[in-house]
Each structure stands twice: as structure tokens, then as C-alpha cells.
């Protein structure tokens, strides 16, 4: 780990937007191993400017709830997507069924 590097940074909308505007995100991106951007912050940013530009500057991709479960399967942490997707549906996730079906199909489930 580099001197001054922290494990995780959690960013609110204001610093993310302002540091992006002055092209400073890439400068500080090497000092955190993980960047967490809460969902409510993503929604706030999306109202002002698509989040893609911020993520590109940090060399990150955005993973939602389903994306994290797909990632877990790719990493070998879980065997099947469907039971976890079913649990999310039972827990109240609001998502179109066709999106889940597409992810299951892509994973040969």
C-alpha cells in the first residue's frame, strides 16, 4: 500500500462533482483502494450529470445490487444467481423481471 493510501473512501455528491469539475479525481484516485458511492449519491449526481463521466475519471465501473451478485458468481463466491435474485425479490427489490431473466440466461441458469 502506498504511503497515505486508505482502504476505502466514501464519497458524497458535492466532493465528487466538484473534484470532477476541476479534473482532480484521477489525481487522488490512487490513494484509495476502494471507492464507495452510496446509491442516493448516484441518484443525486444522475439528476445533474450522468455518473459515467465521474466513474471513467476514477477508472471505476458502477455495480448495482444485481451486478454485485453476478460479480460474486464470477469470483466463485456463489454457485447460482437465481436463489439470490429470488431472495432480493422477496426482500422487495423493484426490478423488471426481464432484466433478471436476461442475467440468468447469460449465466446459463
N, C-alpha and C. Protein backbone atom coordinates (compact mmCIF):
# COMPACT_ATOMS: atom_id res chain seq x y z
N UNK A 1 0.84 -1.17 0.00
CA UNK A 1 0.00 0.00 0.00
C UNK A 1 0.89 1.25 0.00
N UNK A 2 0.52 2.25 -0.79
CA UNK A 2 1.30 3.48 -0.87
C UNK A 2 1.15 4.27 0.42
N UNK A 3 2.18 5.05 0.77
CA UNK A 3 2.05 5.92 1.95
C UNK A 3 0.86 6.85 1.76
N UNK A 4 0.06 6.97 2.79
CA UNK A 4 -1.12 7.83 2.72
C UNK A 4 -2.33 7.17 2.11
N UNK A 5 -2.17 5.93 1.62
CA UNK A 5 -3.29 5.24 0.99
C UNK A 5 -4.24 4.72 2.06
N UNK A 6 -5.51 4.86 1.79
CA UNK A 6 -6.53 4.34 2.69
C UNK A 6 -7.24 3.19 2.01
N UNK A 7 -7.87 2.34 2.79
CA UNK A 7 -8.58 1.20 2.22
C UNK A 7 -9.81 1.63 1.43
N UNK A 8 -10.66 2.46 2.05
CA UNK A 8 -11.95 2.80 1.46
C UNK A 8 -12.26 4.28 1.64
N UNK A 9 -12.75 4.89 0.58
CA UNK A 9 -13.28 6.25 0.66
C UNK A 9 -14.76 6.17 0.32
N UNK A 10 -15.57 6.89 1.06
CA UNK A 10 -16.99 7.00 0.77
C UNK A 10 -17.22 8.45 0.35
N UNK A 11 -17.74 8.63 -0.86
CA UNK A 11 -17.88 9.98 -1.39
C UNK A 11 -19.33 10.44 -1.42
N UNK A 12 -19.52 11.68 -1.02
CA UNK A 12 -20.80 12.35 -1.14
C UNK A 12 -20.83 13.06 -2.50
N UNK A 13 -21.99 13.56 -2.87
CA UNK A 13 -22.14 14.16 -4.19
C UNK A 13 -21.27 15.39 -4.39
N UNK A 14 -21.24 16.29 -3.43
CA UNK A 14 -20.50 17.55 -3.62
C UNK A 14 -19.03 17.35 -3.94
N UNK A 15 -18.27 16.59 -3.12
CA UNK A 15 -16.86 16.44 -3.49
C UNK A 15 -16.67 15.72 -4.81
N UNK A 16 -17.52 14.75 -5.10
CA UNK A 16 -17.40 14.02 -6.35
C UNK A 16 -17.62 14.95 -7.54
N UNK A 17 -18.65 15.77 -7.47
CA UNK A 17 -18.95 16.71 -8.56
C UNK A 17 -17.87 17.77 -8.69
N UNK A 18 -17.49 18.37 -7.57
CA UNK A 18 -16.52 19.46 -7.62
C UNK A 18 -15.13 18.98 -8.04
N UNK A 19 -14.68 17.86 -7.49
CA UNK A 19 -13.37 17.35 -7.89
C UNK A 19 -13.35 16.91 -9.35
N UNK A 20 -14.48 16.43 -9.84
CA UNK A 20 -14.59 16.10 -11.27
C UNK A 20 -14.48 17.36 -12.12
N UNK A 21 -15.16 18.41 -11.71
CA UNK A 21 -15.15 19.66 -12.47
C UNK A 21 -13.75 20.24 -12.62
N UNK A 22 -12.89 20.01 -11.63
CA UNK A 22 -11.52 20.55 -11.72
C UNK A 22 -10.52 19.47 -12.14
N UNK A 23 -11.03 18.37 -12.67
CA UNK A 23 -10.19 17.27 -13.16
C UNK A 23 -9.20 16.78 -12.10
N UNK A 24 -9.68 16.60 -10.88
CA UNK A 24 -8.81 16.20 -9.79
C UNK A 24 -9.05 14.77 -9.31
N UNK A 25 -10.11 14.13 -9.76
CA UNK A 25 -10.40 12.77 -9.29
C UNK A 25 -9.30 11.79 -9.66
N UNK A 26 -8.80 11.88 -10.87
CA UNK A 26 -7.75 10.96 -11.28
C UNK A 26 -6.49 11.16 -10.44
N UNK A 27 -6.22 12.39 -10.05
CA UNK A 27 -5.05 12.70 -9.23
C UNK A 27 -5.11 11.98 -7.88
N UNK A 28 -6.28 11.95 -7.28
CA UNK A 28 -6.39 11.34 -5.95
C UNK A 28 -6.84 9.88 -5.99
N UNK A 29 -7.17 9.38 -7.17
CA UNK A 29 -7.73 8.02 -7.27
C UNK A 29 -6.76 6.94 -6.78
N UNK A 30 -5.48 7.16 -6.89
CA UNK A 30 -4.51 6.13 -6.48
C UNK A 30 -4.35 6.02 -4.97
N UNK A 31 -4.98 6.91 -4.22
CA UNK A 31 -4.82 6.90 -2.77
C UNK A 31 -5.92 6.16 -2.02
N UNK A 32 -6.84 5.55 -2.74
CA UNK A 32 -7.86 4.72 -2.10
C UNK A 32 -7.96 3.42 -2.86
N UNK A 33 -8.02 2.34 -2.14
CA UNK A 33 -8.15 1.03 -2.76
C UNK A 33 -9.59 0.81 -3.23
N UNK A 34 -10.56 1.31 -2.46
CA UNK A 34 -11.98 1.13 -2.77
C UNK A 34 -12.70 2.47 -2.66
N UNK A 35 -13.57 2.73 -3.60
CA UNK A 35 -14.40 3.93 -3.59
C UNK A 35 -15.84 3.49 -3.44
N UNK A 36 -16.53 4.00 -2.44
CA UNK A 36 -17.94 3.70 -2.27
C UNK A 36 -18.75 4.96 -2.55
N UNK A 37 -19.72 4.81 -3.42
CA UNK A 37 -20.60 5.92 -3.75
C UNK A 37 -22.03 5.44 -3.46
N UNK A 38 -22.61 5.90 -2.35
CA UNK A 38 -23.95 5.43 -1.98
C UNK A 38 -24.98 5.68 -3.07
N UNK A 39 -25.96 4.79 -3.13
CA UNK A 39 -27.00 4.87 -4.15
C UNK A 39 -27.68 6.22 -4.21
N UNK A 40 -27.97 6.83 -3.08
CA UNK A 40 -28.63 8.13 -3.06
C UNK A 40 -27.75 9.19 -3.70
N UNK A 41 -26.43 9.05 -3.55
CA UNK A 41 -25.49 9.99 -4.18
C UNK A 41 -25.51 9.80 -5.69
N UNK A 42 -25.54 8.55 -6.13
CA UNK A 42 -25.63 8.28 -7.57
C UNK A 42 -26.89 8.93 -8.15
N UNK A 43 -28.01 8.78 -7.45
CA UNK A 43 -29.26 9.38 -7.93
C UNK A 43 -29.14 10.89 -8.01
N UNK A 44 -28.53 11.50 -7.00
CA UNK A 44 -28.37 12.96 -6.98
C UNK A 44 -27.49 13.41 -8.14
N UNK A 45 -26.41 12.69 -8.38
CA UNK A 45 -25.49 13.05 -9.48
C UNK A 45 -26.18 12.85 -10.82
N UNK A 46 -26.91 11.76 -10.97
CA UNK A 46 -27.59 11.46 -12.23
C UNK A 46 -28.55 12.59 -12.61
N UNK A 47 -29.12 13.27 -11.60
CA UNK A 47 -30.02 14.39 -11.89
C UNK A 47 -29.27 15.55 -12.50
N UNK A 48 -27.97 15.66 -12.20
CA UNK A 48 -27.17 16.79 -12.65
C UNK A 48 -26.32 16.46 -13.86
N UNK A 49 -25.75 15.27 -13.88
CA UNK A 49 -24.82 14.87 -14.93
C UNK A 49 -24.67 13.35 -14.86
N UNK A 50 -24.70 12.65 -15.98
CA UNK A 50 -24.56 11.19 -15.92
C UNK A 50 -23.30 10.77 -15.15
N UNK A 51 -23.45 9.78 -14.30
CA UNK A 51 -22.35 9.34 -13.43
C UNK A 51 -21.20 8.73 -14.22
N UNK A 52 -21.45 8.31 -15.45
CA UNK A 52 -20.41 7.66 -16.25
C UNK A 52 -19.13 8.48 -16.33
N UNK A 53 -19.24 9.80 -16.48
CA UNK A 53 -18.04 10.62 -16.62
C UNK A 53 -17.20 10.61 -15.35
N UNK A 54 -17.85 10.59 -14.19
CA UNK A 54 -17.12 10.53 -12.92
C UNK A 54 -16.42 9.19 -12.78
N UNK A 55 -17.12 8.14 -13.11
CA UNK A 55 -16.57 6.79 -12.97
C UNK A 55 -15.39 6.57 -13.90
N UNK A 56 -15.49 7.08 -15.13
CA UNK A 56 -14.38 6.96 -16.07
C UNK A 56 -13.13 7.65 -15.52
N UNK A 57 -13.33 8.82 -14.91
CA UNK A 57 -12.19 9.56 -14.38
C UNK A 57 -11.50 8.79 -13.26
N UNK A 58 -12.26 7.99 -12.52
CA UNK A 58 -11.69 7.18 -11.44
C UNK A 58 -11.33 5.78 -11.90
N UNK A 59 -11.53 5.49 -13.17
CA UNK A 59 -11.30 4.15 -13.73
C UNK A 59 -12.13 3.11 -12.97
N UNK A 60 -13.39 3.44 -12.71
CA UNK A 60 -14.31 2.55 -12.00
C UNK A 60 -15.50 2.21 -12.86
N UNK A 61 -16.17 1.14 -12.51
CA UNK A 61 -17.45 0.83 -13.11
C UNK A 61 -18.46 0.75 -11.98
N UNK A 62 -19.70 1.08 -12.30
CA UNK A 62 -20.75 1.07 -11.30
C UNK A 62 -21.41 -0.28 -11.28
N UNK A 63 -21.51 -0.85 -10.11
CA UNK A 63 -22.19 -2.13 -9.95
C UNK A 63 -23.38 -1.90 -9.03
N UNK A 64 -24.52 -2.30 -9.51
CA UNK A 64 -25.71 -2.24 -8.67
C UNK A 64 -25.85 -3.53 -7.89
N UNK A 65 -26.99 -3.70 -7.28
CA UNK A 65 -27.23 -4.88 -6.46
C UNK A 65 -27.11 -6.16 -7.26
N UNK A 66 -27.77 -6.21 -8.42
CA UNK A 66 -27.69 -7.42 -9.25
C UNK A 66 -26.28 -7.63 -9.77
N UNK A 67 -25.61 -6.54 -10.14
CA UNK A 67 -24.24 -6.63 -10.64
C UNK A 67 -23.28 -7.21 -9.61
N UNK A 68 -23.50 -6.88 -8.35
CA UNK A 68 -22.65 -7.43 -7.30
C UNK A 68 -22.86 -8.93 -7.13
N UNK A 69 -24.10 -9.38 -7.32
CA UNK A 69 -24.36 -10.82 -7.22
C UNK A 69 -23.75 -11.55 -8.41
N UNK A 70 -23.87 -10.96 -9.60
CA UNK A 70 -23.24 -11.56 -10.79
C UNK A 70 -21.72 -11.60 -10.58
N UNK A 71 -21.14 -10.53 -10.06
CA UNK A 71 -19.71 -10.49 -9.78
C UNK A 71 -19.32 -11.60 -8.81
N UNK A 72 -20.12 -11.79 -7.76
CA UNK A 72 -19.83 -12.83 -6.76
C UNK A 72 -19.80 -14.21 -7.41
N UNK A 73 -20.69 -14.45 -8.38
CA UNK A 73 -20.68 -15.75 -9.07
C UNK A 73 -19.42 -15.88 -9.91
N UNK A 74 -19.05 -14.83 -10.62
CA UNK A 74 -17.85 -14.87 -11.46
C UNK A 74 -16.60 -15.09 -10.63
N UNK A 75 -16.62 -14.63 -9.38
CA UNK A 75 -15.47 -14.81 -8.48
C UNK A 75 -15.49 -16.17 -7.79
N UNK A 76 -16.55 -16.95 -8.02
CA UNK A 76 -16.65 -18.26 -7.40
C UNK A 76 -17.14 -18.22 -5.96
N UNK A 77 -17.70 -17.09 -5.54
CA UNK A 77 -18.20 -16.96 -4.17
C UNK A 77 -19.56 -17.63 -3.99
N UNK A 78 -20.32 -17.72 -5.08
CA UNK A 78 -21.62 -18.38 -5.06
C UNK A 78 -21.72 -19.27 -6.30
N UNK A 79 -22.58 -20.28 -6.24
CA UNK A 79 -22.74 -21.19 -7.36
C UNK A 79 -23.83 -20.77 -8.33
N UNK A 80 -24.91 -20.20 -7.80
CA UNK A 80 -26.08 -19.87 -8.62
C UNK A 80 -26.54 -18.44 -8.33
N UNK A 81 -27.06 -17.79 -9.36
CA UNK A 81 -27.62 -16.46 -9.22
C UNK A 81 -29.06 -16.50 -8.72
N UNK A 82 -29.84 -17.44 -9.27
CA UNK A 82 -31.29 -17.44 -9.07
C UNK A 82 -31.73 -17.40 -7.61
N UNK A 83 -31.15 -18.21 -6.72
CA UNK A 83 -31.62 -18.13 -5.33
C UNK A 83 -31.42 -16.75 -4.71
N UNK A 84 -30.35 -16.10 -5.08
CA UNK A 84 -30.06 -14.77 -4.54
C UNK A 84 -30.98 -13.72 -5.16
N UNK A 85 -31.27 -13.86 -6.46
CA UNK A 85 -32.22 -12.96 -7.10
C UNK A 85 -33.60 -13.15 -6.49
N UNK A 86 -34.00 -14.40 -6.25
CA UNK A 86 -35.29 -14.68 -5.62
C UNK A 86 -35.36 -14.04 -4.23
N UNK A 87 -34.27 -14.14 -3.48
CA UNK A 87 -34.23 -13.52 -2.15
C UNK A 87 -34.40 -12.00 -2.24
N UNK A 88 -33.78 -11.39 -3.25
CA UNK A 88 -33.93 -9.95 -3.43
C UNK A 88 -35.37 -9.57 -3.75
N UNK A 89 -36.00 -10.37 -4.61
CA UNK A 89 -37.40 -10.11 -4.96
C UNK A 89 -38.26 -10.20 -3.70
N UNK A 90 -38.03 -11.23 -2.90
CA UNK A 90 -38.78 -11.40 -1.65
C UNK A 90 -38.49 -10.28 -0.65
N UNK A 91 -37.29 -9.71 -0.74
CA UNK A 91 -36.91 -8.62 0.16
C UNK A 91 -37.46 -7.27 -0.31
N UNK A 92 -38.01 -7.24 -1.53
CA UNK A 92 -38.66 -6.02 -2.01
C UNK A 92 -37.94 -5.24 -3.08
N UNK A 93 -36.92 -5.82 -3.73
CA UNK A 93 -36.25 -5.09 -4.81
C UNK A 93 -37.25 -4.83 -5.93
N UNK A 94 -37.18 -3.66 -6.49
CA UNK A 94 -38.07 -3.31 -7.60
C UNK A 94 -37.26 -3.33 -8.88
N UNK A 95 -37.46 -4.37 -9.65
CA UNK A 95 -36.73 -4.53 -10.92
C UNK A 95 -37.61 -5.32 -11.86
N UNK A 96 -37.51 -4.99 -13.13
CA UNK A 96 -38.30 -5.71 -14.12
C UNK A 96 -37.80 -7.15 -14.24
N UNK A 97 -38.73 -8.05 -14.31
CA UNK A 97 -38.42 -9.48 -14.36
C UNK A 97 -37.56 -9.82 -15.58
N UNK A 98 -37.76 -9.11 -16.69
CA UNK A 98 -36.99 -9.43 -17.89
C UNK A 98 -35.49 -9.16 -17.71
N UNK A 99 -35.13 -8.21 -16.85
CA UNK A 99 -33.71 -7.95 -16.58
C UNK A 99 -33.11 -9.15 -15.84
N UNK A 100 -33.83 -9.63 -14.85
CA UNK A 100 -33.36 -10.81 -14.12
C UNK A 100 -33.26 -12.01 -15.05
N UNK A 101 -34.27 -12.19 -15.89
CA UNK A 101 -34.26 -13.31 -16.83
C UNK A 101 -33.07 -13.23 -17.79
N UNK A 102 -32.73 -12.03 -18.23
CA UNK A 102 -31.58 -11.85 -19.13
C UNK A 102 -30.27 -12.21 -18.43
N UNK A 103 -30.15 -11.80 -17.19
CA UNK A 103 -28.93 -12.12 -16.42
C UNK A 103 -28.83 -13.63 -16.18
N UNK A 104 -29.94 -14.25 -15.87
CA UNK A 104 -29.95 -15.70 -15.66
C UNK A 104 -29.59 -16.43 -16.96
N UNK A 105 -30.14 -15.96 -18.06
CA UNK A 105 -29.85 -16.58 -19.36
C UNK A 105 -28.36 -16.43 -19.71
N UNK A 106 -27.80 -15.26 -19.47
CA UNK A 106 -26.39 -15.02 -19.75
C UNK A 106 -25.50 -15.92 -18.88
N UNK A 107 -26.00 -16.29 -17.70
CA UNK A 107 -25.23 -17.15 -16.79
C UNK A 107 -25.59 -18.62 -16.97
N UNK A 108 -26.35 -18.92 -18.03
CA UNK A 108 -26.78 -20.30 -18.32
C UNK A 108 -27.56 -20.92 -17.16
N UNK A 109 -28.43 -20.14 -16.56
CA UNK A 109 -29.28 -20.67 -15.48
C UNK A 109 -30.73 -20.65 -15.93
